[in-house]
Amino acid sequence: MAEKRNIFLVGPMGAGKSTIGRQLAQQLNMEFYDSDQEIEKRTGADVGWVFDLEGEEGFRDREEKVINELTEKQGIVLATGGGSVKSRETRNRLSARGVVVYLETTIEKQLARTQRDKNARCCTLKHRRVKFWKRWPMNAIRCMKRLPT
């Protein structure tokens, strides 16, 4: 039997990574993981609280470890956190261990989808990330597929 390839969904918060990831995993009979949910499971606290307590650097270190562990599995769909790809190491790891798909969305859709999410930091972080997201998909992972959501 052929080895299943991993599928890693990246994109800004509110792009639909978790929603699409669950559906995709079900259709492909693959296991689904969400890096934010995995952090919550391991810490016993929501990611917003962990982010506030540890700061962005501490949170990203934790997130990088979780993603490293999850990407060692085979046949998974992984929805990554919106800022996880700020780490070059994480970007390289994702590229090496599976197919990376960038889910593109507008800021308007992003805000509409996250307005009820108490953990949504996109409003405070979006200005810092807009430039990053505009240049990252084409430069960092050349084999990436882009899908508008």
N, C-alpha and C. Protein backbone atom coordinates (compact mmCIF):
# COMPACT_ATOMS: atom_id res chain seq x y z
N MET A 1 0.84 -1.18 0.00
CA MET A 1 0.00 0.00 0.00
C MET A 1 0.89 1.24 0.00
N ALA A 2 0.51 2.23 -0.77
CA ALA A 2 1.30 3.46 -0.87
C ALA A 2 1.22 4.26 0.42
N GLU A 3 2.31 4.91 0.74
CA GLU A 3 2.38 5.74 1.93
C GLU A 3 1.52 6.99 1.73
N LYS A 4 0.72 7.32 2.75
CA LYS A 4 -0.11 8.52 2.66
C LYS A 4 0.75 9.75 2.90
N ARG A 5 0.54 10.75 2.10
CA ARG A 5 1.25 12.02 2.28
C ARG A 5 0.48 12.87 3.27
N ASN A 6 1.20 13.66 4.00
CA ASN A 6 0.57 14.61 4.92
C ASN A 6 0.12 15.84 4.16
N ILE A 7 -0.92 16.47 4.67
CA ILE A 7 -1.41 17.73 4.13
C ILE A 7 -1.40 18.74 5.26
N PHE A 8 -0.70 19.85 5.03
CA PHE A 8 -0.59 20.89 6.04
C PHE A 8 -1.26 22.15 5.53
N LEU A 9 -2.25 22.63 6.28
CA LEU A 9 -2.98 23.84 5.91
C LEU A 9 -2.40 25.02 6.66
N VAL A 10 -2.02 26.04 5.91
CA VAL A 10 -1.47 27.26 6.49
C VAL A 10 -2.27 28.44 5.97
N GLY A 11 -2.19 29.54 6.68
CA GLY A 11 -2.88 30.76 6.28
C GLY A 11 -3.21 31.56 7.51
N PRO A 12 -3.72 32.75 7.30
CA PRO A 12 -4.04 33.60 8.44
C PRO A 12 -5.21 33.07 9.25
N MET A 13 -5.33 33.53 10.48
CA MET A 13 -6.46 33.18 11.32
C MET A 13 -7.74 33.56 10.59
N GLY A 14 -8.71 32.66 10.61
CA GLY A 14 -9.97 32.93 9.95
C GLY A 14 -10.01 32.52 8.49
N ALA A 15 -8.97 31.88 8.00
CA ALA A 15 -8.94 31.44 6.60
C ALA A 15 -9.75 30.16 6.40
N GLY A 16 -10.05 29.45 7.47
CA GLY A 16 -10.83 28.22 7.36
C GLY A 16 -10.00 26.95 7.47
N LYS A 17 -8.81 27.06 8.03
CA LYS A 17 -7.90 25.90 8.11
C LYS A 17 -8.52 24.74 8.90
N SER A 18 -9.11 25.02 10.04
CA SER A 18 -9.69 23.96 10.87
C SER A 18 -10.94 23.38 10.22
N THR A 19 -11.81 24.23 9.73
CA THR A 19 -13.05 23.77 9.10
C THR A 19 -12.76 22.93 7.87
N ILE A 20 -11.94 23.44 6.98
CA ILE A 20 -11.59 22.72 5.76
C ILE A 20 -10.78 21.48 6.09
N GLY A 21 -9.88 21.60 7.07
CA GLY A 21 -9.05 20.46 7.45
C GLY A 21 -9.86 19.28 7.94
N ARG A 22 -10.87 19.52 8.78
CA ARG A 22 -11.73 18.43 9.26
C ARG A 22 -12.44 17.74 8.10
N GLN A 23 -13.00 18.55 7.21
CA GLN A 23 -13.73 18.00 6.06
C GLN A 23 -12.80 17.22 5.14
N LEU A 24 -11.63 17.76 4.88
CA LEU A 24 -10.66 17.11 4.01
C LEU A 24 -10.19 15.78 4.60
N ALA A 25 -9.89 15.78 5.88
CA ALA A 25 -9.45 14.56 6.55
C ALA A 25 -10.53 13.48 6.49
N GLN A 26 -11.77 13.89 6.69
CA GLN A 26 -12.87 12.93 6.64
C GLN A 26 -13.01 12.34 5.24
N GLN A 27 -12.97 13.19 4.23
CA GLN A 27 -13.12 12.73 2.85
C GLN A 27 -11.97 11.82 2.41
N LEU A 28 -10.77 12.09 2.91
CA LEU A 28 -9.60 11.32 2.51
C LEU A 28 -9.28 10.18 3.48
N ASN A 29 -10.14 10.03 4.50
CA ASN A 29 -9.94 9.00 5.53
C ASN A 29 -8.56 9.14 6.18
N MET A 30 -8.25 10.37 6.57
CA MET A 30 -6.98 10.68 7.23
C MET A 30 -7.28 11.22 8.62
N GLU A 31 -6.28 11.21 9.46
CA GLU A 31 -6.43 11.75 10.81
C GLU A 31 -6.26 13.27 10.76
N PHE A 32 -7.10 14.00 11.51
CA PHE A 32 -7.03 15.46 11.54
C PHE A 32 -6.46 15.94 12.86
N TYR A 33 -5.58 16.94 12.75
CA TYR A 33 -5.03 17.61 13.92
C TYR A 33 -5.09 19.11 13.70
N ASP A 34 -5.27 19.82 14.79
CA ASP A 34 -5.24 21.28 14.80
C ASP A 34 -4.18 21.66 15.84
N SER A 35 -3.16 22.39 15.43
CA SER A 35 -2.06 22.67 16.37
C SER A 35 -2.53 23.48 17.57
N ASP A 36 -3.47 24.40 17.38
CA ASP A 36 -3.99 25.17 18.51
C ASP A 36 -4.74 24.26 19.49
N GLN A 37 -5.57 23.36 18.96
CA GLN A 37 -6.30 22.43 19.83
C GLN A 37 -5.35 21.50 20.56
N GLU A 38 -4.28 21.11 19.90
CA GLU A 38 -3.29 20.23 20.54
C GLU A 38 -2.59 20.97 21.69
N ILE A 39 -2.30 22.25 21.50
CA ILE A 39 -1.70 23.05 22.58
C ILE A 39 -2.67 23.15 23.74
N GLU A 40 -3.95 23.38 23.45
CA GLU A 40 -4.96 23.46 24.50
C GLU A 40 -5.07 22.15 25.27
N LYS A 41 -5.04 21.05 24.54
CA LYS A 41 -5.13 19.73 25.17
C LYS A 41 -3.94 19.49 26.10
N ARG A 42 -2.77 19.88 25.67
CA ARG A 42 -1.56 19.62 26.45
C ARG A 42 -1.41 20.56 27.64
N THR A 43 -1.88 21.80 27.51
CA THR A 43 -1.72 22.77 28.59
C THR A 43 -2.93 22.82 29.51
N GLY A 44 -4.08 22.37 29.02
CA GLY A 44 -5.31 22.48 29.80
C GLY A 44 -5.86 23.89 29.83
N ALA A 45 -5.41 24.74 28.92
CA ALA A 45 -5.86 26.13 28.86
C ALA A 45 -6.04 26.54 27.41
N ASP A 46 -6.89 27.55 27.19
CA ASP A 46 -7.09 27.98 25.80
C ASP A 46 -5.86 28.73 25.30
N VAL A 47 -5.69 28.72 23.97
CA VAL A 47 -4.47 29.28 23.39
C VAL A 47 -4.33 30.77 23.65
N GLY A 48 -5.44 31.47 23.77
CA GLY A 48 -5.37 32.91 24.08
C GLY A 48 -4.71 33.15 25.43
N TRP A 49 -5.08 32.35 26.41
CA TRP A 49 -4.50 32.49 27.74
C TRP A 49 -3.02 32.12 27.71
N VAL A 50 -2.68 31.02 27.02
CA VAL A 50 -1.28 30.60 26.91
C VAL A 50 -0.46 31.69 26.22
N PHE A 51 -1.02 32.26 25.17
CA PHE A 51 -0.34 33.34 24.43
C PHE A 51 -0.11 34.55 25.34
N ASP A 52 -1.15 34.93 26.09
CA ASP A 52 -1.02 36.08 27.00
C ASP A 52 -0.01 35.81 28.11
N LEU A 53 -0.02 34.61 28.64
CA LEU A 53 0.87 34.26 29.75
C LEU A 53 2.33 34.15 29.30
N GLU A 54 2.57 33.48 28.18
CA GLU A 54 3.93 33.20 27.73
C GLU A 54 4.47 34.24 26.75
N GLY A 55 3.60 35.09 26.23
CA GLY A 55 4.01 36.03 25.20
C GLY A 55 4.12 35.32 23.86
N GLU A 56 4.27 36.09 22.80
CA GLU A 56 4.31 35.47 21.47
C GLU A 56 5.51 34.53 21.32
N GLU A 57 6.67 34.93 21.81
CA GLU A 57 7.86 34.10 21.65
C GLU A 57 7.70 32.75 22.36
N GLY A 58 7.21 32.78 23.59
CA GLY A 58 7.01 31.54 24.33
C GLY A 58 5.95 30.66 23.68
N PHE A 59 4.87 31.30 23.23
CA PHE A 59 3.81 30.55 22.56
C PHE A 59 4.33 29.90 21.28
N ARG A 60 5.10 30.65 20.49
CA ARG A 60 5.63 30.12 19.22
C ARG A 60 6.60 28.97 19.46
N ASP A 61 7.38 29.04 20.53
CA ASP A 61 8.27 27.92 20.87
C ASP A 61 7.45 26.66 21.15
N ARG A 62 6.40 26.82 21.93
CA ARG A 62 5.52 25.70 22.26
C ARG A 62 4.86 25.16 20.98
N GLU A 63 4.38 26.06 20.16
CA GLU A 63 3.72 25.69 18.91
C GLU A 63 4.67 24.94 17.98
N GLU A 64 5.91 25.41 17.90
CA GLU A 64 6.91 24.77 17.04
C GLU A 64 7.16 23.32 17.48
N LYS A 65 7.22 23.09 18.78
CA LYS A 65 7.43 21.73 19.30
C LYS A 65 6.25 20.83 18.96
N VAL A 66 5.04 21.35 19.12
CA VAL A 66 3.84 20.58 18.80
C VAL A 66 3.81 20.23 17.32
N ILE A 67 4.09 21.21 16.47
CA ILE A 67 4.07 20.96 15.02
C ILE A 67 5.17 19.98 14.63
N ASN A 68 6.32 20.09 15.23
CA ASN A 68 7.40 19.14 14.95
C ASN A 68 6.95 17.71 15.25
N GLU A 69 6.33 17.53 16.40
CA GLU A 69 5.87 16.20 16.79
C GLU A 69 4.77 15.69 15.86
N LEU A 70 3.79 16.53 15.57
CA LEU A 70 2.67 16.10 14.74
C LEU A 70 3.10 15.78 13.31
N THR A 71 4.04 16.54 12.78
CA THR A 71 4.45 16.33 11.39
C THR A 71 5.31 15.09 11.21
N GLU A 72 5.69 14.45 12.29
CA GLU A 72 6.40 13.17 12.19
C GLU A 72 5.45 12.02 11.90
N LYS A 73 4.15 12.26 12.10
CA LYS A 73 3.13 11.24 11.80
C LYS A 73 2.95 11.14 10.29
N GLN A 74 2.32 10.07 9.84
CA GLN A 74 2.03 9.87 8.43
C GLN A 74 0.52 9.84 8.21
N GLY A 75 0.08 10.38 7.09
CA GLY A 75 -1.32 10.32 6.73
C GLY A 75 -2.21 11.24 7.54
N ILE A 76 -1.73 12.46 7.80
CA ILE A 76 -2.52 13.40 8.59
C ILE A 76 -2.83 14.66 7.79
N VAL A 77 -3.88 15.33 8.22
CA VAL A 77 -4.18 16.69 7.79
C VAL A 77 -3.96 17.55 9.03
N LEU A 78 -3.15 18.58 8.92
CA LEU A 78 -2.84 19.45 10.05
C LEU A 78 -3.22 20.88 9.73
N ALA A 79 -4.07 21.45 10.57
CA ALA A 79 -4.38 22.88 10.50
C ALA A 79 -3.41 23.57 11.46
N THR A 80 -2.56 24.42 10.92
CA THR A 80 -1.57 25.11 11.74
C THR A 80 -2.14 26.42 12.27
N GLY A 81 -1.52 26.95 13.32
CA GLY A 81 -1.90 28.25 13.84
C GLY A 81 -1.55 29.34 12.83
N GLY A 82 -2.30 30.43 12.87
CA GLY A 82 -2.11 31.50 11.90
C GLY A 82 -0.72 32.10 11.84
N GLY A 83 0.00 32.09 12.94
CA GLY A 83 1.34 32.67 12.94
C GLY A 83 2.46 31.65 12.97
N SER A 84 2.11 30.38 12.87
CA SER A 84 3.12 29.32 13.00
C SER A 84 4.21 29.39 11.95
N VAL A 85 3.89 29.90 10.78
CA VAL A 85 4.87 29.92 9.69
C VAL A 85 5.84 31.10 9.79
N LYS A 86 5.75 31.85 10.86
CA LYS A 86 6.75 32.90 11.08
C LYS A 86 8.12 32.27 11.32
N SER A 87 8.11 31.04 11.79
CA SER A 87 9.36 30.32 12.06
C SER A 87 9.87 29.65 10.78
N ARG A 88 11.08 30.00 10.39
CA ARG A 88 11.70 29.38 9.21
C ARG A 88 11.81 27.86 9.41
N GLU A 89 12.15 27.45 10.62
CA GLU A 89 12.28 26.02 10.91
C GLU A 89 10.96 25.30 10.68
N THR A 90 9.86 25.89 11.13
CA THR A 90 8.55 25.28 10.93
C THR A 90 8.21 25.25 9.44
N ARG A 91 8.46 26.32 8.73
CA ARG A 91 8.18 26.34 7.28
C ARG A 91 8.95 25.23 6.57
N ASN A 92 10.22 25.10 6.89
CA ASN A 92 11.05 24.06 6.25
C ASN A 92 10.56 22.66 6.61
N ARG A 93 10.18 22.49 7.87
CA ARG A 93 9.69 21.19 8.33
C ARG A 93 8.40 20.82 7.60
N LEU A 94 7.49 21.76 7.48
CA LEU A 94 6.23 21.49 6.78
C LEU A 94 6.50 21.10 5.33
N SER A 95 7.35 21.84 4.67
CA SER A 95 7.68 21.56 3.26
C SER A 95 8.29 20.17 3.08
N ALA A 96 9.13 19.78 4.02
CA ALA A 96 9.84 18.51 3.91
C ALA A 96 8.95 17.31 4.23
N ARG A 97 7.90 17.53 5.01
CA ARG A 97 7.13 16.39 5.52
C ARG A 97 5.73 16.25 4.93
N GLY A 98 5.40 17.06 3.95
CA GLY A 98 4.07 16.92 3.35
C GLY A 98 3.79 17.99 2.33
N VAL A 99 2.54 18.03 1.90
CA VAL A 99 2.07 19.03 0.94
C VAL A 99 1.52 20.20 1.74
N VAL A 100 2.00 21.38 1.45
CA VAL A 100 1.56 22.58 2.15
C VAL A 100 0.56 23.32 1.27
N VAL A 101 -0.60 23.62 1.84
CA VAL A 101 -1.64 24.34 1.11
C VAL A 101 -1.94 25.63 1.85
N TYR A 102 -1.80 26.73 1.15
CA TYR A 102 -2.08 28.06 1.72
C TYR A 102 -3.53 28.42 1.43
N LEU A 103 -4.30 28.66 2.48
CA LEU A 103 -5.68 29.09 2.34
C LEU A 103 -5.71 30.60 2.41
N GLU A 104 -6.11 31.19 1.33
CA GLU A 104 -6.10 32.65 1.20
C GLU A 104 -7.50 33.19 1.48
N THR A 105 -7.57 34.30 2.18
CA THR A 105 -8.85 34.94 2.46
C THR A 105 -8.65 36.44 2.54
N THR A 106 -9.75 37.16 2.53
CA THR A 106 -9.67 38.62 2.68
C THR A 106 -9.68 38.97 4.16
N ILE A 107 -9.20 40.14 4.47
CA ILE A 107 -9.24 40.59 5.87
C ILE A 107 -10.68 40.72 6.34
N GLU A 108 -11.58 41.14 5.45
CA GLU A 108 -13.00 41.26 5.82
C GLU A 108 -13.57 39.90 6.24
N LYS A 109 -13.29 38.87 5.45
CA LYS A 109 -13.78 37.53 5.81
C LYS A 109 -13.11 37.03 7.08
N GLN A 110 -11.84 37.33 7.21
CA GLN A 110 -11.08 36.92 8.39
C GLN A 110 -11.72 37.51 9.65
N LEU A 111 -12.01 38.79 9.63
CA LEU A 111 -12.61 39.44 10.79
C LEU A 111 -14.01 38.92 11.06
N ALA A 112 -14.80 38.71 10.01
CA ALA A 112 -16.16 38.19 10.18
C ALA A 112 -16.15 36.79 10.80
N ARG A 113 -15.22 35.97 10.37
CA ARG A 113 -15.15 34.59 10.87
C ARG A 113 -14.62 34.49 12.29
N THR A 114 -13.89 35.49 12.74
CA THR A 114 -13.27 35.41 14.07
C THR A 114 -13.89 36.36 15.09
N GLN A 115 -14.92 37.08 14.72
CA GLN A 115 -15.47 38.10 15.63
C GLN A 115 -16.00 37.53 16.93
N ARG A 116 -16.48 36.30 16.94
CA ARG A 116 -16.99 35.70 18.18
C ARG A 116 -15.94 34.87 18.91
N ASP A 117 -14.77 34.73 18.31
CA ASP A 117 -13.71 33.91 18.90
C ASP A 117 -12.94 34.73 19.94
N LYS A 118 -13.08 34.35 21.20
CA LYS A 118 -12.40 35.10 22.26
C LYS A 118 -10.88 34.98 22.18
N ASN A 119 -10.38 33.97 21.46
CA ASN A 119 -8.94 33.78 21.31
C ASN A 119 -8.38 34.48 20.08
N ALA A 120 -9.23 35.09 19.29
CA ALA A 120 -8.78 35.68 18.02
C ALA A 120 -7.92 36.90 18.29
N ARG A 121 -6.66 36.76 17.96
CA ARG A 121 -5.73 37.87 18.12
C ARG A 121 -5.51 38.57 16.79
N CYS A 122 -6.30 38.20 15.78
CA CYS A 122 -6.05 38.75 14.45
C CYS A 122 -6.24 40.26 14.41
N CYS A 123 -7.12 40.78 15.20
CA CYS A 123 -7.34 42.23 15.18
C CYS A 123 -6.11 42.98 15.67
N THR A 124 -5.44 42.46 16.67
CA THR A 124 -4.28 43.15 17.21
C THR A 124 -3.00 42.83 16.45
N LEU A 125 -2.95 41.67 15.83
CA LEU A 125 -1.73 41.26 15.14
C LEU A 125 -1.80 41.44 13.63
N LYS A 126 -2.99 41.72 13.09
CA LYS A 126 -3.14 41.71 11.64
C LYS A 126 -2.24 42.73 10.95
N HIS A 127 -2.06 43.89 11.53
CA HIS A 127 -1.24 44.90 10.87
C HIS A 127 0.21 44.45 10.72
N ARG A 128 0.72 43.71 11.72
CA ARG A 128 2.09 43.21 11.64
C ARG A 128 2.21 42.07 10.64
N ARG A 129 1.13 41.34 10.43
CA ARG A 129 1.21 40.14 9.60
C ARG A 129 0.85 40.36 8.14
N VAL A 130 0.16 41.44 7.82
CA VAL A 130 -0.28 41.64 6.44
C VAL A 130 0.89 41.56 5.47
N LYS A 131 1.96 42.29 5.73
CA LYS A 131 3.13 42.26 4.85
C LYS A 131 3.74 40.87 4.80
N PHE A 132 3.79 40.20 5.94
CA PHE A 132 4.36 38.86 5.99
C PHE A 132 3.57 37.90 5.10
N TRP A 133 2.25 37.91 5.25
CA TRP A 133 1.43 36.98 4.47
C TRP A 133 1.47 37.30 2.99
N LYS A 134 1.65 38.54 2.64
CA LYS A 134 1.70 38.89 1.21
C LYS A 134 2.96 38.36 0.55
N ARG A 135 4.07 38.31 1.26
CA ARG A 135 5.31 37.87 0.63
C ARG A 135 5.63 36.41 0.91
N TRP A 136 5.18 35.86 2.02
CA TRP A 136 5.59 34.53 2.42
C TRP A 136 5.17 33.41 1.47
N PRO A 137 3.92 33.30 1.08
CA PRO A 137 3.50 32.12 0.33
C PRO A 137 4.32 31.85 -0.93
N MET A 138 4.71 32.87 -1.65
CA MET A 138 5.43 32.66 -2.89
C MET A 138 6.92 32.45 -2.66
N ASN A 139 7.47 32.99 -1.60
CA ASN A 139 8.91 32.94 -1.39
C ASN A 139 9.37 31.75 -0.56
N ALA A 140 8.64 31.39 0.46
CA ALA A 140 9.14 30.42 1.42
C ALA A 140 8.94 28.97 0.99
N ILE A 141 7.80 28.68 0.39
CA ILE A 141 7.51 27.31 0.03
C ILE A 141 7.06 27.30 -1.42
N ARG A 142 7.95 26.99 -2.30
CA ARG A 142 7.67 27.07 -3.73
C ARG A 142 6.69 26.00 -4.22
N CYS A 143 6.59 24.90 -3.52
CA CYS A 143 5.71 23.82 -3.98
C CYS A 143 4.28 23.98 -3.47
N MET A 144 4.02 25.06 -2.80
CA MET A 144 2.74 25.27 -2.16
C MET A 144 1.60 25.45 -3.15
N LYS A 145 0.43 25.00 -2.76
CA LYS A 145 -0.78 25.25 -3.52
C LYS A 145 -1.55 26.35 -2.79
N ARG A 146 -2.16 27.26 -3.56
CA ARG A 146 -2.94 28.34 -2.96
C ARG A 146 -4.41 28.11 -3.26
N LEU A 147 -5.24 28.19 -2.24
CA LEU A 147 -6.67 28.04 -2.41
C LEU A 147 -7.39 29.20 -1.75
N PRO A 148 -8.20 29.95 -2.50
CA PRO A 148 -8.99 31.01 -1.86
C PRO A 148 -10.12 30.38 -1.05
N THR A 149 -10.43 30.98 0.10
CA THR A 149 -11.53 30.45 0.92
C THR A 149 -12.61 31.48 1.06
